Amino acid sequence: MVLSRPDFTGKLAYFMGIDEAKFRLPVLPGCVLRLHLEAQRVGRIGKFRGEAYVDGKLAAEATLTFAVVDQEA
């Protein structure tokens, strides 16, 4: 989503961290995981709040931080 912005064409997004992670239910092979992400800050350094659901029940949640960088030649 972030890399689809025209000003980030040809860039890479690196995962930098997880904060406030909570794992509430086991997620097993074969489960359908539905992710809901909300952008809290989008820029060269950004933050998303995410929730993962299985069968409509909250399975996990966290705040994810990323950095957008130039690709190395």
C-alpha atoms as a PDB file:
ATOM      1  CA  MET A   1       0.000   0.000   0.000  1.00  0.00           C
ATOM      2  CA  VAL A   2       2.692   2.496   0.997  1.00  0.00           C
ATOM      3  CA  LEU A   3       4.941   1.680  -1.962  1.00  0.00           C
ATOM      4  CA  SER A   4       2.091   2.373  -4.404  1.00  0.00           C
ATOM      5  CA  ARG A   5       2.498   6.110  -3.743  1.00  0.00           C
ATOM      6  CA  PRO A   6       4.145   7.851  -6.732  1.00  0.00           C
ATOM      7  CA  ASP A   7       6.844   9.453  -4.531  1.00  0.00           C
ATOM      8  CA  PHE A   8       7.910   5.968  -3.331  1.00  0.00           C
ATOM      9  CA  THR A   9       8.338   4.417  -6.804  1.00  0.00           C
ATOM     10  CA  GLY A  10      11.442   2.199  -6.846  1.00  0.00           C
ATOM     11  CA  LYS A  11      11.818   2.258  -3.042  1.00  0.00           C
ATOM     12  CA  LEU A  12      11.849  -0.569  -0.493  1.00  0.00           C
ATOM     13  CA  ALA A  13       9.927  -0.781   2.781  1.00  0.00           C
ATOM     14  CA  TYR A  14      11.793  -2.313   5.725  1.00  0.00           C
ATOM     15  CA  PHE A  15      10.031  -3.643   8.788  1.00  0.00           C
ATOM     16  CA  MET A  16      11.496  -1.942  11.869  1.00  0.00           C
ATOM     17  CA  GLY A  17       9.490  -3.030  14.880  1.00  0.00           C
ATOM     18  CA  ILE A  18       6.429  -4.331  16.668  1.00  0.00           C
ATOM     19  CA  ASP A  19       4.931  -2.593  19.690  1.00  0.00           C
ATOM     20  CA  GLU A  20       2.011  -3.497  21.955  1.00  0.00           C
ATOM     21  CA  ALA A  21       1.711  -6.993  20.441  1.00  0.00           C
ATOM     22  CA  LYS A  22      -0.926  -9.281  21.927  1.00  0.00           C
ATOM     23  CA  PHE A  23      -1.595 -12.827  20.777  1.00  0.00           C
ATOM     24  CA  ARG A  24      -5.089 -13.797  21.881  1.00  0.00           C
ATOM     25  CA  LEU A  25      -5.941 -17.017  20.017  1.00  0.00           C
ATOM     26  CA  PRO A  26      -3.922 -19.766  18.367  1.00  0.00           C
ATOM     27  CA  VAL A  27      -3.778 -19.586  14.567  1.00  0.00           C
ATOM     28  CA  LEU A  28      -3.273 -23.010  13.028  1.00  0.00           C
ATOM     29  CA  PRO A  29      -2.532 -24.192   9.480  1.00  0.00           C
ATOM     30  CA  GLY A  30      -5.741 -24.070   7.466  1.00  0.00           C
ATOM     31  CA  CYS A  31      -7.191 -21.114   9.391  1.00  0.00           C
ATOM     32  CA  VAL A  32      -8.330 -18.144   7.330  1.00  0.00           C
ATOM     33  CA  LEU A  33      -6.664 -15.043   8.735  1.00  0.00           C
ATOM     34  CA  ARG A  34      -8.342 -11.681   8.017  1.00  0.00           C
ATOM     35  CA  LEU A  35      -6.082  -8.671   8.552  1.00  0.00           C
ATOM     36  CA  HIS A  36      -7.298  -5.158   9.299  1.00  0.00           C
ATOM     37  CA  LEU A  37      -4.642  -2.421   9.099  1.00  0.00           C
ATOM     38  CA  GLU A  38      -5.052   1.257   9.868  1.00  0.00           C
ATOM     39  CA  ALA A  39      -2.361   3.741   8.821  1.00  0.00           C
ATOM     40  CA  GLN A  40      -1.433   5.922  11.780  1.00  0.00           C
ATOM     41  CA  ARG A  41       1.481   7.701  10.097  1.00  0.00           C
ATOM     42  CA  VAL A  42       2.703   7.350   6.506  1.00  0.00           C
ATOM     43  CA  GLY A  43       5.978   8.812   5.317  1.00  0.00           C
ATOM     44  CA  ARG A  44       9.610   7.743   5.142  1.00  0.00           C
ATOM     45  CA  ILE A  45       9.029   6.350   8.637  1.00  0.00           C
ATOM     46  CA  GLY A  46       5.513   5.048   9.158  1.00  0.00           C
ATOM     47  CA  LYS A  47       3.298   3.250  11.598  1.00  0.00           C
ATOM     48  CA  PHE A  48       0.291   0.955  11.190  1.00  0.00           C
ATOM     49  CA  ARG A  49      -2.060  -0.482  13.787  1.00  0.00           C
ATOM     50  CA  GLY A  50      -3.101  -4.002  12.857  1.00  0.00           C
ATOM     51  CA  GLU A  51      -5.560  -6.647  14.002  1.00  0.00           C
ATOM     52  CA  ALA A  52      -5.820 -10.263  12.834  1.00  0.00           C
ATOM     53  CA  TYR A  53      -9.120 -12.170  12.998  1.00  0.00           C
ATOM     54  CA  VAL A  54      -9.981 -15.864  12.694  1.00  0.00           C
ATOM     55  CA  ASP A  55     -13.680 -16.755  12.376  1.00  0.00           C
ATOM     56  CA  GLY A  56     -14.564 -13.192  13.391  1.00  0.00           C
ATOM     57  CA  LYS A  57     -12.575 -13.421  16.653  1.00  0.00           C
ATOM     58  CA  LEU A  58      -9.580 -11.216  17.425  1.00  0.00           C
ATOM     59  CA  ALA A  59      -6.503 -13.475  17.272  1.00  0.00           C
ATOM     60  CA  ALA A  60      -3.679 -10.917  17.427  1.00  0.00           C
ATOM     61  CA  GLU A  61      -3.007  -7.186  17.417  1.00  0.00           C
ATOM     62  CA  ALA A  62       0.051  -4.949  17.223  1.00  0.00           C
ATOM     63  CA  THR A  63       1.498  -1.637  16.094  1.00  0.00           C
ATOM     64  CA  LEU A  64       3.977  -2.069  13.224  1.00  0.00           C
ATOM     65  CA  THR A  65       6.727   0.410  12.314  1.00  0.00           C
ATOM     66  CA  PHE A  66       8.439   0.563   8.910  1.00  0.00           C
ATOM     67  CA  ALA A  67      10.969   2.684   7.000  1.00  0.00           C
ATOM     68  CA  VAL A  68      10.950   3.458   3.268  1.00  0.00           C
ATOM     69  CA  VAL A  69      14.471   3.517   1.808  1.00  0.00           C
ATOM     70  CA  ASP A  70      16.185   3.803  -1.561  1.00  0.00           C
ATOM     71  CA  GLN A  71      17.112   0.544  -3.292  1.00  0.00           C
ATOM     72  CA  GLU A  72      20.842  -0.105  -3.365  1.00  0.00           C
ATOM     73  CA  ALA A  73      22.320  -0.262  -6.850  1.00  0.00           C
END
